[in-house]
N, C-alpha and C. Protein backbone atom coordinates (compact mmCIF):
# COMPACT_ATOMS: atom_id res chain seq x y z
N UNK A 1 6.66 37.03 -1.32
CA UNK A 1 6.64 36.82 0.12
C UNK A 1 7.54 35.63 0.47
N UNK A 2 8.45 35.85 1.38
CA UNK A 2 9.39 34.80 1.77
C UNK A 2 8.76 33.90 2.82
N UNK A 3 9.11 32.65 2.75
CA UNK A 3 8.64 31.69 3.75
C UNK A 3 9.84 30.98 4.36
N UNK A 4 9.67 30.51 5.56
CA UNK A 4 10.73 29.79 6.25
C UNK A 4 10.48 28.28 6.28
N UNK A 5 9.59 27.83 5.38
CA UNK A 5 9.27 26.40 5.35
C UNK A 5 10.51 25.59 5.01
N UNK A 6 10.74 24.59 5.79
CA UNK A 6 11.92 23.76 5.59
C UNK A 6 11.67 22.75 4.49
N UNK A 7 12.60 22.68 3.56
CA UNK A 7 12.47 21.73 2.47
C UNK A 7 12.74 20.33 3.00
N UNK A 8 12.00 19.32 2.47
CA UNK A 8 12.19 17.95 2.98
C UNK A 8 13.58 17.39 2.70
N UNK A 9 14.20 17.82 1.58
CA UNK A 9 15.53 17.32 1.22
C UNK A 9 16.39 18.47 0.72
N UNK A 10 17.69 18.40 1.05
CA UNK A 10 18.61 19.39 0.49
C UNK A 10 19.12 18.88 -0.85
N UNK A 11 19.98 19.67 -1.48
CA UNK A 11 20.44 19.35 -2.83
C UNK A 11 21.18 18.01 -2.86
N UNK A 12 22.06 17.80 -1.90
CA UNK A 12 22.82 16.55 -1.85
C UNK A 12 21.90 15.34 -1.69
N UNK A 13 20.90 15.49 -0.85
CA UNK A 13 19.97 14.39 -0.64
C UNK A 13 19.16 14.10 -1.91
N UNK A 14 18.79 15.16 -2.62
CA UNK A 14 18.07 14.98 -3.88
C UNK A 14 18.93 14.23 -4.90
N UNK A 15 20.22 14.53 -4.89
CA UNK A 15 21.14 13.81 -5.79
C UNK A 15 21.15 12.33 -5.45
N UNK A 16 21.24 12.02 -4.15
CA UNK A 16 21.25 10.63 -3.71
C UNK A 16 19.95 9.93 -4.10
N UNK A 17 18.83 10.60 -3.89
CA UNK A 17 17.53 10.01 -4.24
C UNK A 17 17.44 9.73 -5.73
N UNK A 18 17.97 10.65 -6.54
CA UNK A 18 17.98 10.43 -7.98
C UNK A 18 18.84 9.23 -8.37
N UNK A 19 20.01 9.14 -7.76
CA UNK A 19 20.91 8.02 -8.05
C UNK A 19 20.32 6.69 -7.59
N UNK A 20 19.69 6.68 -6.43
CA UNK A 20 19.10 5.44 -5.92
C UNK A 20 17.89 5.02 -6.76
N UNK A 21 17.14 5.99 -7.26
CA UNK A 21 16.04 5.67 -8.17
C UNK A 21 16.57 5.01 -9.44
N UNK A 22 17.66 5.57 -9.97
CA UNK A 22 18.27 4.99 -11.17
C UNK A 22 18.77 3.57 -10.90
N UNK A 23 19.35 3.35 -9.71
CA UNK A 23 19.84 2.02 -9.36
C UNK A 23 18.70 1.00 -9.28
N UNK A 24 17.60 1.41 -8.66
CA UNK A 24 16.45 0.51 -8.57
C UNK A 24 15.95 0.15 -9.96
N UNK A 25 15.92 1.13 -10.86
CA UNK A 25 15.48 0.87 -12.23
C UNK A 25 16.41 -0.11 -12.93
N UNK A 26 17.72 0.10 -12.75
CA UNK A 26 18.70 -0.79 -13.38
C UNK A 26 18.57 -2.21 -12.81
N UNK A 27 18.45 -2.31 -11.50
CA UNK A 27 18.32 -3.62 -10.87
C UNK A 27 17.03 -4.32 -11.27
N UNK A 28 15.97 -3.53 -11.53
CA UNK A 28 14.67 -4.11 -11.86
C UNK A 28 14.57 -4.51 -13.33
N UNK A 29 15.28 -3.80 -14.20
CA UNK A 29 15.14 -4.03 -15.64
C UNK A 29 16.25 -4.85 -16.25
N UNK A 30 17.29 -5.14 -15.46
CA UNK A 30 18.41 -5.92 -15.98
C UNK A 30 18.77 -7.01 -14.98
N UNK A 31 19.50 -8.03 -15.42
CA UNK A 31 19.93 -9.10 -14.50
C UNK A 31 20.96 -8.66 -13.47
N UNK A 32 21.44 -7.40 -13.59
CA UNK A 32 22.47 -6.92 -12.65
C UNK A 32 21.98 -7.00 -11.21
N UNK A 33 20.68 -6.80 -11.00
CA UNK A 33 20.14 -6.79 -9.65
C UNK A 33 20.00 -8.15 -9.01
N UNK A 34 20.26 -9.20 -9.76
CA UNK A 34 20.19 -10.56 -9.22
C UNK A 34 21.50 -11.26 -9.49
N UNK A 35 22.27 -11.49 -8.43
CA UNK A 35 23.60 -12.08 -8.58
C UNK A 35 23.57 -13.55 -8.16
N UNK A 36 23.86 -14.47 -9.09
CA UNK A 36 23.91 -15.88 -8.71
C UNK A 36 25.19 -16.19 -7.94
N UNK A 37 25.04 -16.82 -6.79
CA UNK A 37 26.18 -17.25 -5.98
C UNK A 37 25.97 -18.74 -5.71
N UNK A 38 26.58 -19.58 -6.52
CA UNK A 38 26.32 -21.02 -6.43
C UNK A 38 24.86 -21.26 -6.76
N UNK A 39 24.15 -21.98 -5.89
CA UNK A 39 22.74 -22.24 -6.13
C UNK A 39 21.82 -21.09 -5.72
N UNK A 40 22.41 -20.04 -5.13
CA UNK A 40 21.62 -18.93 -4.61
C UNK A 40 21.55 -17.77 -5.60
N UNK A 41 20.52 -16.93 -5.44
CA UNK A 41 20.39 -15.70 -6.21
C UNK A 41 20.21 -14.56 -5.20
N UNK A 42 21.16 -13.64 -5.19
CA UNK A 42 21.13 -12.53 -4.24
C UNK A 42 20.49 -11.31 -4.90
N UNK A 43 19.42 -10.79 -4.30
CA UNK A 43 18.72 -9.63 -4.84
C UNK A 43 19.31 -8.36 -4.23
N UNK A 44 19.67 -7.40 -5.09
CA UNK A 44 20.32 -6.18 -4.63
C UNK A 44 19.37 -4.99 -4.49
N UNK A 45 18.10 -5.18 -4.81
CA UNK A 45 17.16 -4.06 -4.81
C UNK A 45 17.01 -3.38 -3.45
N UNK A 46 17.28 -4.10 -2.37
CA UNK A 46 17.11 -3.50 -1.05
C UNK A 46 18.23 -2.51 -0.72
N UNK A 47 19.36 -2.62 -1.39
CA UNK A 47 20.50 -1.77 -1.06
C UNK A 47 20.25 -0.29 -1.36
N UNK A 48 19.71 0.08 -2.54
CA UNK A 48 19.39 1.50 -2.76
C UNK A 48 18.41 2.05 -1.73
N UNK A 49 17.47 1.22 -1.29
CA UNK A 49 16.52 1.65 -0.26
C UNK A 49 17.25 1.95 1.04
N UNK A 50 18.18 1.08 1.41
CA UNK A 50 18.94 1.27 2.65
C UNK A 50 19.80 2.53 2.58
N UNK A 51 20.46 2.74 1.45
CA UNK A 51 21.33 3.91 1.31
C UNK A 51 20.51 5.20 1.35
N UNK A 52 19.34 5.19 0.71
CA UNK A 52 18.47 6.36 0.75
C UNK A 52 17.99 6.63 2.16
N UNK A 53 17.69 5.57 2.91
CA UNK A 53 17.24 5.73 4.29
C UNK A 53 18.34 6.31 5.17
N UNK A 54 19.57 5.86 4.95
CA UNK A 54 20.71 6.34 5.72
C UNK A 54 21.00 7.80 5.41
N UNK A 55 20.89 8.17 4.15
CA UNK A 55 21.25 9.53 3.72
C UNK A 55 20.11 10.52 3.91
N UNK A 56 18.89 10.09 3.65
CA UNK A 56 17.75 11.01 3.61
C UNK A 56 16.70 10.75 4.67
N UNK A 57 16.97 9.83 5.58
CA UNK A 57 16.04 9.58 6.66
C UNK A 57 14.87 8.70 6.28
N UNK A 58 13.91 8.53 7.21
CA UNK A 58 12.76 7.66 6.96
C UNK A 58 11.94 8.05 5.73
N UNK A 59 11.78 9.36 5.51
CA UNK A 59 11.00 9.80 4.35
C UNK A 59 11.70 9.42 3.05
N UNK A 60 13.00 9.68 2.99
CA UNK A 60 13.76 9.30 1.80
C UNK A 60 13.76 7.80 1.58
N UNK A 61 13.90 7.05 2.68
CA UNK A 61 13.84 5.59 2.57
C UNK A 61 12.49 5.14 2.05
N UNK A 62 11.42 5.78 2.55
CA UNK A 62 10.08 5.43 2.10
C UNK A 62 9.87 5.75 0.63
N UNK A 63 10.46 6.86 0.16
CA UNK A 63 10.34 7.24 -1.25
C UNK A 63 10.97 6.20 -2.15
N UNK A 64 12.21 5.83 -1.85
CA UNK A 64 12.89 4.83 -2.69
C UNK A 64 12.28 3.45 -2.49
N UNK A 65 11.79 3.18 -1.28
CA UNK A 65 11.05 1.95 -1.07
C UNK A 65 9.82 1.89 -1.97
N UNK A 66 9.16 3.04 -2.13
CA UNK A 66 8.01 3.11 -3.03
C UNK A 66 8.39 2.87 -4.47
N UNK A 67 9.54 3.41 -4.87
CA UNK A 67 10.03 3.19 -6.24
C UNK A 67 10.31 1.70 -6.44
N UNK A 68 10.95 1.08 -5.46
CA UNK A 68 11.23 -0.36 -5.50
C UNK A 68 9.92 -1.14 -5.62
N UNK A 69 8.92 -0.76 -4.79
CA UNK A 69 7.64 -1.45 -4.82
C UNK A 69 6.92 -1.30 -6.14
N UNK A 70 7.00 -0.10 -6.73
CA UNK A 70 6.35 0.14 -8.01
C UNK A 70 6.94 -0.73 -9.11
N UNK A 71 8.27 -0.78 -9.17
CA UNK A 71 8.91 -1.60 -10.21
C UNK A 71 8.73 -3.08 -9.93
N UNK A 72 8.62 -3.45 -8.66
CA UNK A 72 8.33 -4.84 -8.31
C UNK A 72 6.95 -5.22 -8.84
N UNK A 73 5.99 -4.30 -8.71
CA UNK A 73 4.64 -4.56 -9.23
C UNK A 73 4.65 -4.65 -10.75
N UNK A 74 5.41 -3.79 -11.40
CA UNK A 74 5.46 -3.80 -12.87
C UNK A 74 5.98 -5.13 -13.40
N UNK A 75 6.82 -5.81 -12.59
CA UNK A 75 7.32 -7.12 -13.00
C UNK A 75 6.19 -8.15 -13.08
N UNK A 76 5.09 -7.87 -12.37
CA UNK A 76 3.93 -8.77 -12.43
C UNK A 76 3.28 -8.76 -13.81
N UNK A 77 3.48 -7.68 -14.55
CA UNK A 77 2.88 -7.58 -15.89
C UNK A 77 3.99 -7.57 -16.95
N UNK A 78 5.09 -8.24 -16.61
CA UNK A 78 6.20 -8.47 -17.55
C UNK A 78 6.91 -7.20 -18.00
N UNK A 79 6.91 -6.18 -17.16
CA UNK A 79 7.72 -4.99 -17.41
C UNK A 79 8.95 -5.10 -16.52
N UNK A 80 10.11 -5.22 -17.14
CA UNK A 80 11.32 -5.50 -16.39
C UNK A 80 11.57 -7.00 -16.38
N UNK A 81 12.23 -7.46 -15.33
CA UNK A 81 12.47 -8.90 -15.18
C UNK A 81 11.16 -9.56 -14.75
N UNK A 82 10.57 -10.44 -15.57
CA UNK A 82 9.26 -11.02 -15.24
C UNK A 82 9.28 -11.81 -13.94
N UNK A 83 8.16 -11.78 -13.23
CA UNK A 83 8.00 -12.55 -11.99
C UNK A 83 6.82 -13.50 -12.18
N UNK A 84 7.10 -14.81 -12.18
CA UNK A 84 6.04 -15.80 -12.36
C UNK A 84 5.02 -15.72 -11.23
N UNK A 85 5.52 -15.58 -9.99
CA UNK A 85 4.60 -15.46 -8.87
C UNK A 85 3.79 -14.18 -8.97
N UNK A 86 4.47 -13.08 -9.31
CA UNK A 86 3.77 -11.81 -9.44
C UNK A 86 2.67 -11.88 -10.48
N UNK A 87 2.95 -12.54 -11.60
CA UNK A 87 1.95 -12.68 -12.66
C UNK A 87 0.76 -13.49 -12.17
N UNK A 88 1.03 -14.54 -11.41
CA UNK A 88 -0.05 -15.38 -10.89
C UNK A 88 -0.92 -14.59 -9.90
N UNK A 89 -0.28 -13.79 -9.03
CA UNK A 89 -1.03 -12.99 -8.07
C UNK A 89 -1.82 -11.89 -8.77
N UNK A 90 -1.26 -11.32 -9.83
CA UNK A 90 -1.95 -10.28 -10.60
C UNK A 90 -3.21 -10.86 -11.24
N UNK A 91 -3.13 -12.08 -11.74
CA UNK A 91 -4.29 -12.73 -12.35
C UNK A 91 -5.40 -12.98 -11.32
N UNK A 92 -4.99 -13.24 -10.07
CA UNK A 92 -5.97 -13.48 -9.01
C UNK A 92 -6.66 -12.17 -8.61
N UNK A 93 -5.85 -11.14 -8.34
CA UNK A 93 -6.41 -9.86 -7.91
C UNK A 93 -5.36 -8.76 -8.13
N UNK A 94 -5.49 -7.97 -9.20
CA UNK A 94 -4.49 -6.94 -9.51
C UNK A 94 -4.28 -5.93 -8.39
N UNK A 95 -5.36 -5.51 -7.73
CA UNK A 95 -5.23 -4.50 -6.67
C UNK A 95 -4.44 -5.04 -5.49
N UNK A 96 -4.80 -6.26 -5.03
CA UNK A 96 -4.09 -6.85 -3.91
C UNK A 96 -2.65 -7.17 -4.27
N UNK A 97 -2.41 -7.50 -5.55
CA UNK A 97 -1.03 -7.74 -5.99
C UNK A 97 -0.21 -6.46 -5.87
N UNK A 98 -0.83 -5.32 -6.20
CA UNK A 98 -0.14 -4.03 -6.06
C UNK A 98 0.16 -3.73 -4.60
N UNK A 99 -0.85 -3.93 -3.74
CA UNK A 99 -0.65 -3.69 -2.31
C UNK A 99 0.47 -4.56 -1.76
N UNK A 100 0.45 -5.84 -2.14
CA UNK A 100 1.44 -6.79 -1.63
C UNK A 100 2.85 -6.46 -2.08
N UNK A 101 2.98 -5.90 -3.27
CA UNK A 101 4.30 -5.56 -3.80
C UNK A 101 4.76 -4.18 -3.38
N UNK A 102 3.83 -3.25 -3.19
CA UNK A 102 4.19 -1.84 -2.99
C UNK A 102 4.30 -1.46 -1.52
N UNK A 103 3.26 -1.69 -0.75
CA UNK A 103 3.20 -1.19 0.64
C UNK A 103 4.34 -1.71 1.52
N UNK A 104 4.67 -3.03 1.48
CA UNK A 104 5.78 -3.49 2.33
C UNK A 104 7.09 -2.77 2.04
N UNK A 105 7.35 -2.44 0.76
CA UNK A 105 8.62 -1.80 0.41
C UNK A 105 8.68 -0.36 0.93
N UNK A 106 7.54 0.35 0.94
CA UNK A 106 7.52 1.69 1.53
C UNK A 106 7.84 1.60 3.02
N UNK A 107 7.21 0.66 3.70
CA UNK A 107 7.45 0.47 5.14
C UNK A 107 8.90 0.08 5.41
N UNK A 108 9.49 -0.72 4.52
CA UNK A 108 10.89 -1.13 4.67
C UNK A 108 11.80 0.09 4.71
N UNK A 109 11.60 1.04 3.80
CA UNK A 109 12.42 2.24 3.76
C UNK A 109 12.26 3.08 5.01
N UNK A 110 11.04 3.18 5.51
CA UNK A 110 10.78 3.96 6.72
C UNK A 110 11.44 3.30 7.93
N UNK A 111 11.30 1.98 8.03
CA UNK A 111 11.92 1.23 9.13
C UNK A 111 13.44 1.40 9.11
N UNK A 112 14.03 1.31 7.92
CA UNK A 112 15.48 1.46 7.79
C UNK A 112 15.93 2.86 8.23
N UNK A 113 15.17 3.87 7.85
CA UNK A 113 15.51 5.24 8.22
C UNK A 113 15.51 5.46 9.72
N UNK A 114 14.48 4.94 10.39
CA UNK A 114 14.43 5.09 11.85
C UNK A 114 15.48 4.22 12.54
N UNK A 115 15.77 3.07 11.95
CA UNK A 115 16.81 2.20 12.53
C UNK A 115 18.15 2.92 12.54
N UNK A 116 18.47 3.59 11.43
CA UNK A 116 19.73 4.33 11.35
C UNK A 116 19.72 5.51 12.32
N UNK A 117 18.62 6.23 12.35
CA UNK A 117 18.52 7.42 13.19
C UNK A 117 18.71 7.07 14.67
N UNK A 118 18.10 5.99 15.11
CA UNK A 118 18.18 5.58 16.51
C UNK A 118 19.56 5.01 16.84
N UNK A 119 20.07 4.13 15.96
CA UNK A 119 21.33 3.44 16.25
C UNK A 119 22.52 4.39 16.23
N UNK A 120 22.53 5.34 15.30
CA UNK A 120 23.69 6.24 15.21
C UNK A 120 23.84 7.09 16.47
N UNK A 121 22.73 7.40 17.13
CA UNK A 121 22.78 8.18 18.36
C UNK A 121 23.43 7.39 19.49
N UNK A 122 23.28 6.09 19.43
CA UNK A 122 23.84 5.23 20.48
C UNK A 122 25.27 4.80 20.17
N UNK A 123 25.68 4.95 18.90
CA UNK A 123 27.02 4.51 18.52
C UNK A 123 27.63 5.47 17.51
N UNK A 124 27.62 5.10 16.24
CA UNK A 124 28.16 5.96 15.19
C UNK A 124 27.51 5.60 13.86
N UNK A 125 27.90 6.31 12.81
CA UNK A 125 27.28 6.10 11.50
C UNK A 125 27.59 4.73 10.90
N UNK A 126 28.76 4.20 11.21
CA UNK A 126 29.12 2.88 10.68
C UNK A 126 28.18 1.81 11.23
N UNK A 127 28.01 1.81 12.54
CA UNK A 127 27.10 0.84 13.16
C UNK A 127 25.67 1.11 12.72
N UNK A 128 25.31 2.39 12.65
CA UNK A 128 23.97 2.74 12.20
C UNK A 128 23.69 2.25 10.79
N UNK A 129 24.69 2.38 9.92
CA UNK A 129 24.54 1.90 8.55
C UNK A 129 24.39 0.39 8.49
N UNK A 130 25.16 -0.31 9.31
CA UNK A 130 25.07 -1.77 9.35
C UNK A 130 23.68 -2.22 9.81
N UNK A 131 23.18 -1.59 10.86
CA UNK A 131 21.86 -1.95 11.38
C UNK A 131 20.78 -1.61 10.35
N UNK A 132 20.90 -0.45 9.71
CA UNK A 132 19.91 -0.06 8.70
C UNK A 132 19.91 -1.03 7.53
N UNK A 133 21.09 -1.45 7.10
CA UNK A 133 21.18 -2.41 6.01
C UNK A 133 20.54 -3.74 6.38
N UNK A 134 20.85 -4.22 7.58
CA UNK A 134 20.26 -5.48 8.03
C UNK A 134 18.74 -5.36 8.13
N UNK A 135 18.26 -4.29 8.71
CA UNK A 135 16.82 -4.12 8.90
C UNK A 135 16.10 -3.97 7.57
N UNK A 136 16.76 -3.39 6.58
CA UNK A 136 16.14 -3.26 5.26
C UNK A 136 15.87 -4.64 4.67
N UNK A 137 16.90 -5.48 4.65
CA UNK A 137 16.74 -6.82 4.09
C UNK A 137 15.81 -7.68 4.93
N UNK A 138 15.96 -7.60 6.25
CA UNK A 138 15.14 -8.41 7.15
C UNK A 138 13.66 -8.03 7.05
N UNK A 139 13.37 -6.73 7.16
CA UNK A 139 11.97 -6.30 7.12
C UNK A 139 11.36 -6.51 5.74
N UNK A 140 12.18 -6.41 4.68
CA UNK A 140 11.66 -6.67 3.34
C UNK A 140 11.16 -8.11 3.24
N UNK A 141 11.94 -9.05 3.75
CA UNK A 141 11.54 -10.45 3.72
C UNK A 141 10.30 -10.69 4.57
N UNK A 142 10.31 -10.18 5.79
CA UNK A 142 9.20 -10.43 6.72
C UNK A 142 7.91 -9.78 6.23
N UNK A 143 7.98 -8.52 5.83
CA UNK A 143 6.76 -7.81 5.42
C UNK A 143 6.22 -8.33 4.09
N UNK A 144 7.12 -8.63 3.16
CA UNK A 144 6.70 -9.15 1.85
C UNK A 144 5.97 -10.50 2.02
N UNK A 145 6.57 -11.38 2.81
CA UNK A 145 5.98 -12.71 3.00
C UNK A 145 4.72 -12.64 3.85
N UNK A 146 4.69 -11.75 4.83
CA UNK A 146 3.49 -11.59 5.65
C UNK A 146 2.32 -11.10 4.81
N UNK A 147 2.58 -10.10 3.96
CA UNK A 147 1.54 -9.59 3.08
C UNK A 147 1.08 -10.67 2.10
N UNK A 148 2.02 -11.47 1.62
CA UNK A 148 1.68 -12.56 0.69
C UNK A 148 0.71 -13.54 1.34
N UNK A 149 1.01 -13.94 2.57
CA UNK A 149 0.16 -14.91 3.27
C UNK A 149 -1.18 -14.30 3.66
N UNK A 150 -1.16 -13.06 4.16
CA UNK A 150 -2.40 -12.42 4.60
C UNK A 150 -3.35 -12.15 3.44
N UNK A 151 -2.81 -11.69 2.31
CA UNK A 151 -3.66 -11.28 1.19
C UNK A 151 -4.03 -12.42 0.25
N UNK A 152 -3.14 -13.43 0.16
CA UNK A 152 -3.39 -14.50 -0.82
C UNK A 152 -3.36 -15.91 -0.21
N UNK A 153 -3.23 -16.00 1.11
CA UNK A 153 -3.09 -17.30 1.76
C UNK A 153 -4.26 -18.24 1.54
N UNK A 154 -5.46 -17.67 1.33
CA UNK A 154 -6.65 -18.52 1.16
C UNK A 154 -6.92 -18.88 -0.29
N UNK A 155 -6.08 -18.42 -1.20
CA UNK A 155 -6.29 -18.72 -2.62
C UNK A 155 -5.75 -20.11 -2.95
N UNK A 156 -6.27 -20.69 -4.02
CA UNK A 156 -5.81 -22.01 -4.44
C UNK A 156 -4.34 -22.01 -4.79
N UNK A 157 -3.86 -20.91 -5.37
CA UNK A 157 -2.46 -20.80 -5.75
C UNK A 157 -1.55 -20.93 -4.54
N UNK A 158 -1.87 -20.18 -3.47
CA UNK A 158 -1.03 -20.21 -2.28
C UNK A 158 -1.23 -21.49 -1.48
N UNK A 159 -2.43 -22.04 -1.47
CA UNK A 159 -2.65 -23.30 -0.77
C UNK A 159 -1.81 -24.41 -1.38
N UNK A 160 -1.66 -24.36 -2.71
CA UNK A 160 -0.81 -25.34 -3.39
C UNK A 160 0.65 -25.12 -3.04
N UNK A 161 1.07 -23.85 -2.97
CA UNK A 161 2.45 -23.53 -2.61
C UNK A 161 2.78 -23.96 -1.18
N UNK A 162 1.85 -23.71 -0.29
CA UNK A 162 2.09 -23.97 1.13
C UNK A 162 1.97 -25.45 1.47
N UNK A 163 1.14 -26.18 0.71
CA UNK A 163 0.95 -27.59 1.00
C UNK A 163 0.40 -27.77 2.41
N UNK A 164 1.03 -28.65 3.18
CA UNK A 164 0.59 -28.89 4.56
C UNK A 164 1.44 -28.15 5.59
N UNK A 165 2.28 -27.22 5.12
CA UNK A 165 3.16 -26.50 6.03
C UNK A 165 2.39 -25.41 6.77
N UNK A 166 2.79 -25.15 8.03
CA UNK A 166 2.23 -23.99 8.72
C UNK A 166 2.88 -22.73 8.17
N UNK A 167 2.33 -21.59 8.52
CA UNK A 167 2.77 -20.32 7.92
C UNK A 167 4.25 -20.06 8.18
N UNK A 168 4.69 -20.24 9.42
CA UNK A 168 6.09 -19.93 9.77
C UNK A 168 7.05 -20.83 8.99
N UNK A 169 6.76 -22.11 8.96
CA UNK A 169 7.65 -23.05 8.26
C UNK A 169 7.64 -22.79 6.75
N UNK A 170 6.49 -22.40 6.22
CA UNK A 170 6.40 -22.06 4.80
C UNK A 170 7.31 -20.88 4.47
N UNK A 171 7.24 -19.83 5.29
CA UNK A 171 8.06 -18.64 5.05
C UNK A 171 9.54 -18.98 5.12
N UNK A 172 9.92 -19.76 6.12
CA UNK A 172 11.33 -20.12 6.30
C UNK A 172 11.85 -20.92 5.10
N UNK A 173 11.07 -21.91 4.67
CA UNK A 173 11.52 -22.75 3.55
C UNK A 173 11.43 -22.00 2.23
N UNK A 174 10.50 -21.06 2.12
CA UNK A 174 10.33 -20.33 0.86
C UNK A 174 11.48 -19.36 0.62
N UNK A 175 11.83 -18.58 1.64
CA UNK A 175 12.90 -17.59 1.47
C UNK A 175 14.27 -18.25 1.54
N UNK A 176 14.37 -19.35 2.30
CA UNK A 176 15.60 -20.13 2.33
C UNK A 176 16.84 -19.36 2.77
N UNK A 177 17.98 -19.84 2.28
CA UNK A 177 19.27 -19.25 2.63
C UNK A 177 19.44 -17.90 1.94
N UNK A 178 18.71 -17.71 0.82
CA UNK A 178 18.85 -16.45 0.07
C UNK A 178 18.65 -15.23 0.96
N UNK A 179 17.60 -15.27 1.78
CA UNK A 179 17.28 -14.12 2.63
C UNK A 179 18.41 -13.84 3.61
N UNK A 180 19.02 -14.89 4.16
CA UNK A 180 20.12 -14.71 5.11
C UNK A 180 21.31 -14.05 4.42
N UNK A 181 21.64 -14.53 3.22
CA UNK A 181 22.77 -13.96 2.48
C UNK A 181 22.48 -12.51 2.10
N UNK A 182 21.25 -12.21 1.71
CA UNK A 182 20.87 -10.84 1.38
C UNK A 182 21.03 -9.92 2.58
N UNK A 183 20.69 -10.42 3.76
CA UNK A 183 20.85 -9.62 4.98
C UNK A 183 22.32 -9.31 5.24
N UNK A 184 23.18 -10.31 5.03
CA UNK A 184 24.61 -10.12 5.24
C UNK A 184 25.15 -9.10 4.23
N UNK A 185 24.79 -9.27 2.96
CA UNK A 185 25.26 -8.36 1.91
C UNK A 185 24.78 -6.93 2.18
N UNK A 186 23.50 -6.78 2.49
CA UNK A 186 22.95 -5.45 2.75
C UNK A 186 23.60 -4.79 3.95
N UNK A 187 23.89 -5.58 4.98
CA UNK A 187 24.54 -5.06 6.18
C UNK A 187 25.93 -4.52 5.86
N UNK A 188 26.72 -5.32 5.16
CA UNK A 188 28.10 -4.93 4.84
C UNK A 188 28.14 -3.73 3.89
N UNK A 189 27.35 -3.78 2.83
CA UNK A 189 27.38 -2.72 1.82
C UNK A 189 26.87 -1.39 2.40
N UNK A 190 25.79 -1.43 3.16
CA UNK A 190 25.23 -0.19 3.71
C UNK A 190 26.15 0.42 4.76
N UNK A 191 26.81 -0.42 5.56
CA UNK A 191 27.78 0.09 6.54
C UNK A 191 28.92 0.80 5.83
N UNK A 192 29.43 0.19 4.76
CA UNK A 192 30.51 0.82 3.99
C UNK A 192 30.04 2.11 3.33
N UNK A 193 28.81 2.09 2.81
CA UNK A 193 28.26 3.29 2.17
C UNK A 193 28.09 4.42 3.18
N UNK A 194 27.68 4.08 4.40
CA UNK A 194 27.50 5.09 5.44
C UNK A 194 28.82 5.78 5.77
N UNK A 195 29.90 5.00 5.81
CA UNK A 195 31.22 5.57 6.07
C UNK A 195 31.62 6.51 4.94
N UNK A 196 31.46 6.05 3.70
CA UNK A 196 31.83 6.87 2.55
C UNK A 196 31.00 8.14 2.45
N UNK A 197 29.69 8.02 2.70
CA UNK A 197 28.81 9.19 2.62
C UNK A 197 29.09 10.18 3.74
N UNK A 198 29.52 9.68 4.89
CA UNK A 198 29.89 10.57 6.01
C UNK A 198 31.15 11.35 5.67
N UNK A 199 32.15 10.65 5.14
CA UNK A 199 33.40 11.32 4.76
C UNK A 199 33.20 12.32 3.64
N UNK A 200 32.21 12.04 2.77
CA UNK A 200 31.94 12.95 1.65
C UNK A 200 31.05 14.11 2.06
N UNK A 201 30.57 14.09 3.30
CA UNK A 201 29.76 15.19 3.79
C UNK A 201 28.27 15.05 3.53
N UNK A 202 27.83 13.90 3.05
CA UNK A 202 26.41 13.70 2.79
C UNK A 202 25.64 13.39 4.07
N UNK A 203 26.36 12.83 5.06
CA UNK A 203 25.73 12.48 6.34
C UNK A 203 26.54 13.12 7.46
N UNK A 204 25.84 13.72 8.41
CA UNK A 204 26.52 14.29 9.57
C UNK A 204 26.79 13.20 10.60
N UNK A 205 27.82 13.39 11.39
CA UNK A 205 28.13 12.44 12.45
C UNK A 205 29.50 11.84 12.30
N UNK A 206 29.78 10.82 13.10
CA UNK A 206 31.09 10.19 13.11
C UNK A 206 30.97 8.74 12.63
N UNK A 207 32.09 8.19 12.23
CA UNK A 207 32.08 6.81 11.74
C UNK A 207 32.77 5.84 12.71
N UNK A 208 33.32 6.36 13.78
CA UNK A 208 33.99 5.50 14.75
C UNK A 208 34.01 6.17 16.10
């Protein structure tokens, strides 16, 4: 019996999702995903999420965001590049550590997908890609830090980290210049990727 059910992804989109999953794994398990620039360290894990969101929409962005979140959680138990903070949060509460690492990244991919979908209608794929890249990095920082404060803010570990700072000032000083540079990098790379993917036929629409 034949059905007319629409598949969530076409073949090209599945290829992109596979490639972005591989990129997240490489970035999570090797130092390639963290690029030192002077005193800063730029994290590249948000870029595969942004590209998946641009190519495969909010659902695709959410899928790769989930992959990013899963590998981020695994770093809490020393699988991949170890995370000292992640290990400390895991010792406090493994379930909340998973939520804090996983859920924000899924939402990041969904936000990026809708950002591209809305912006491209008002302009073109290039601008849409730039906005999606920026929103991926921006929302990753905001949601990750918000979940950190909400879920662990009352613990002794976080009280020591925060000291006498209020929540907003703590977040600003904690993420520092790194977050700003990551937003710039994600914006530029995703905009360029959107142009290339449009010319290759992976994304419908115009680039200018």
